[in-house]
Amino acid sequence: MFVRFHGNYCSSFTKQPAGIFAVIYHLKRDGKLSDADSELYGNTLDWFEDNLPNPPLYDEQNNSIRAVTWFKDGERTEHMIERLKPFFEIAATYGVQIIKSVAEEPPGTIVYEDDYQIAVAAYPAAVNMKEAGFQ
């Protein structure tokens, strides 16, 4: 099973719902976070940068294939998902909805995989996302 946490709006780049890292970054970029929440954002992001592999497609290809990442749901990722808690709290503080999507099968063509996550391209639900109200 695979899990993705995302906002209720689509990324203009991937045309898929913006992931939780992007959603919280957008709050920071737009100057909406308090100093304390900015620090919490930075500390949480630093932890993930140190502990969650960055798919090489983000660095080498600048994600030219517009892939999105999903956590693998299981014992190995429980602590990763737990470490997202500050992002959930920040989102709630600023009235931003975070949605949990679950897929039994890979939700697209796997273009990267590690112990914690997959990156998929050609996300088959893109048409359905628009029908579901995502923009």
Protein backbone atom coordinates (compact mmCIF):
# COMPACT_ATOMS: atom_id res chain seq x y z
CA MET A 1 0.00 0.00 0.00
CA PHE A 2 1.14 3.57 -0.70
CA VAL A 3 0.26 6.82 1.08
CA ARG A 4 0.50 10.41 -0.08
CA PHE A 5 -0.28 13.51 1.94
CA HIS A 6 -1.24 16.50 -0.18
CA GLY A 7 -3.20 19.70 -0.34
CA ASN A 8 -6.51 20.30 -2.03
CA TYR A 9 -4.96 22.09 -5.01
CA CYS A 10 -2.81 20.89 -7.87
CA SER A 11 0.77 21.78 -8.60
CA SER A 12 1.07 23.83 -11.76
CA PHE A 13 4.17 21.79 -12.58
CA THR A 14 3.07 18.18 -12.01
CA LYS A 15 -0.66 18.76 -12.56
CA GLN A 16 -1.17 16.54 -9.50
CA PRO A 17 -2.21 17.55 -5.97
CA ALA A 18 0.64 19.46 -4.33
CA GLY A 19 2.40 17.27 -1.78
CA ILE A 20 2.61 18.19 1.88
CA PHE A 21 6.20 19.43 1.59
CA ALA A 22 5.17 21.86 -1.18
CA VAL A 23 2.00 22.94 0.64
CA ILE A 24 3.89 23.91 3.79
CA TYR A 25 6.68 25.50 1.74
CA HIS A 26 4.07 27.65 -0.01
CA LEU A 27 2.91 28.96 3.37
CA LYS A 28 6.49 29.86 4.26
CA ARG A 29 7.25 31.36 0.84
CA ASP A 30 4.15 33.52 1.06
CA GLY A 31 5.20 34.87 4.47
CA LYS A 32 2.25 33.36 6.31
CA LEU A 33 4.19 31.43 8.97
CA SER A 34 4.98 32.90 12.36
CA ASP A 35 8.64 32.93 13.36
CA ALA A 36 8.06 29.87 15.56
CA ASP A 37 6.29 27.99 12.76
CA SER A 38 9.04 28.97 10.29
CA GLU A 39 11.58 27.49 12.65
CA LEU A 40 9.45 24.35 13.08
CA TYR A 41 9.18 24.09 9.29
CA GLY A 42 12.96 24.42 8.91
CA ASN A 43 13.74 21.86 11.62
CA THR A 44 11.25 19.36 10.18
CA LEU A 45 12.53 19.85 6.65
CA ASP A 46 16.14 19.45 7.84
CA TRP A 47 15.24 16.14 9.48
CA PHE A 48 13.70 14.83 6.27
CA GLU A 49 16.63 16.03 4.19
CA ASP A 50 18.93 14.06 6.52
CA ASN A 51 16.78 10.92 6.75
CA LEU A 52 14.65 10.51 3.61
CA PRO A 53 16.50 9.85 0.36
CA ASN A 54 15.97 12.51 -2.27
CA PRO A 55 15.02 10.78 -5.53
CA PRO A 56 17.79 11.55 -8.03
CA LEU A 57 15.23 12.55 -10.64
CA TYR A 58 14.74 15.77 -8.65
CA ASP A 59 18.43 16.65 -8.87
CA GLU A 60 19.57 15.15 -12.15
CA GLN A 61 16.51 15.69 -14.32
CA ASN A 62 14.91 18.57 -12.43
CA ASN A 63 11.90 16.25 -12.36
CA SER A 64 11.34 16.74 -16.08
CA ILE A 65 8.98 13.75 -16.04
CA ARG A 66 6.82 15.44 -13.39
CA ALA A 67 6.89 12.50 -11.00
CA VAL A 68 5.29 12.61 -7.56
CA THR A 69 6.34 10.65 -4.49
CA TRP A 70 4.30 8.36 -2.30
CA PHE A 71 5.34 6.83 1.02
CA LYS A 72 5.32 3.08 1.26
CA ASP A 73 2.89 2.21 4.03
CA GLY A 74 4.51 -0.14 6.51
CA GLU A 75 6.76 -0.55 9.51
CA ARG A 76 9.75 1.09 7.80
CA THR A 77 7.84 4.31 7.15
CA GLU A 78 5.83 4.65 10.36
CA HIS A 79 8.48 6.91 11.88
CA MET A 80 8.64 8.98 8.68
CA ILE A 81 4.92 9.61 8.77
CA GLU A 82 5.12 10.38 12.49
CA ARG A 83 7.80 13.00 11.72
CA LEU A 84 5.29 14.76 9.43
CA LYS A 85 3.23 15.69 12.50
CA PRO A 86 4.65 19.26 12.70
CA PHE A 87 3.55 19.83 9.09
CA PHE A 88 0.04 18.61 9.92
CA GLU A 89 0.00 21.00 12.90
CA ILE A 90 1.22 23.94 10.80
CA ALA A 91 -1.43 23.21 8.16
CA ALA A 92 -4.16 23.09 10.80
CA THR A 93 -2.96 26.34 12.38
CA TYR A 94 -3.30 28.16 9.05
CA GLY A 95 -6.53 26.48 7.96
CA VAL A 96 -4.91 24.47 5.17
CA GLN A 97 -6.44 21.10 4.39
CA ILE A 98 -4.10 18.12 4.12
CA ILE A 99 -5.58 15.06 2.45
CA LYS A 100 -4.35 11.51 2.88
CA SER A 101 -4.59 9.45 -0.31
CA VAL A 102 -4.08 5.70 -0.20
CA ALA A 103 -3.37 3.38 -3.11
CA GLU A 104 -3.30 -0.41 -2.94
CA GLU A 105 -1.19 -0.62 -6.11
CA PRO A 106 1.45 1.80 -7.39
CA PRO A 107 -0.55 4.82 -8.57
CA GLY A 108 1.43 5.21 -11.79
CA THR A 109 4.61 4.03 -13.43
CA ILE A 110 7.36 3.66 -10.81
CA VAL A 111 10.39 5.69 -11.86
CA TYR A 112 12.20 5.56 -8.51
CA GLU A 113 12.01 3.42 -5.39
CA ASP A 114 13.85 3.23 -2.08
CA ASP A 115 13.06 1.70 1.30
CA TYR A 116 10.59 4.47 2.20
CA GLN A 117 8.96 5.77 -0.96
CA ILE A 118 8.25 5.47 -4.62
CA ALA A 119 8.14 8.16 -7.28
CA VAL A 120 5.59 7.65 -10.02
CA ALA A 121 4.99 9.25 -13.38
CA ALA A 122 2.01 8.99 -15.67
CA TYR A 123 -0.31 9.20 -12.70
CA PRO A 124 -3.48 7.56 -14.05
CA ALA A 125 -5.91 9.42 -11.81
CA ALA A 126 -5.07 12.85 -13.27
CA VAL A 127 -8.37 13.09 -15.08
CA ASN A 128 -10.26 12.01 -11.98
CA MET A 129 -8.48 14.63 -9.85
CA LYS A 130 -10.00 17.41 -11.92
CA GLU A 131 -13.40 15.75 -11.72
CA ALA A 132 -12.99 15.55 -7.95
CA GLY A 133 -12.56 19.31 -7.74
CA PHE A 134 -8.78 19.62 -7.76
CA GLN A 135 -7.42 22.36 -9.98
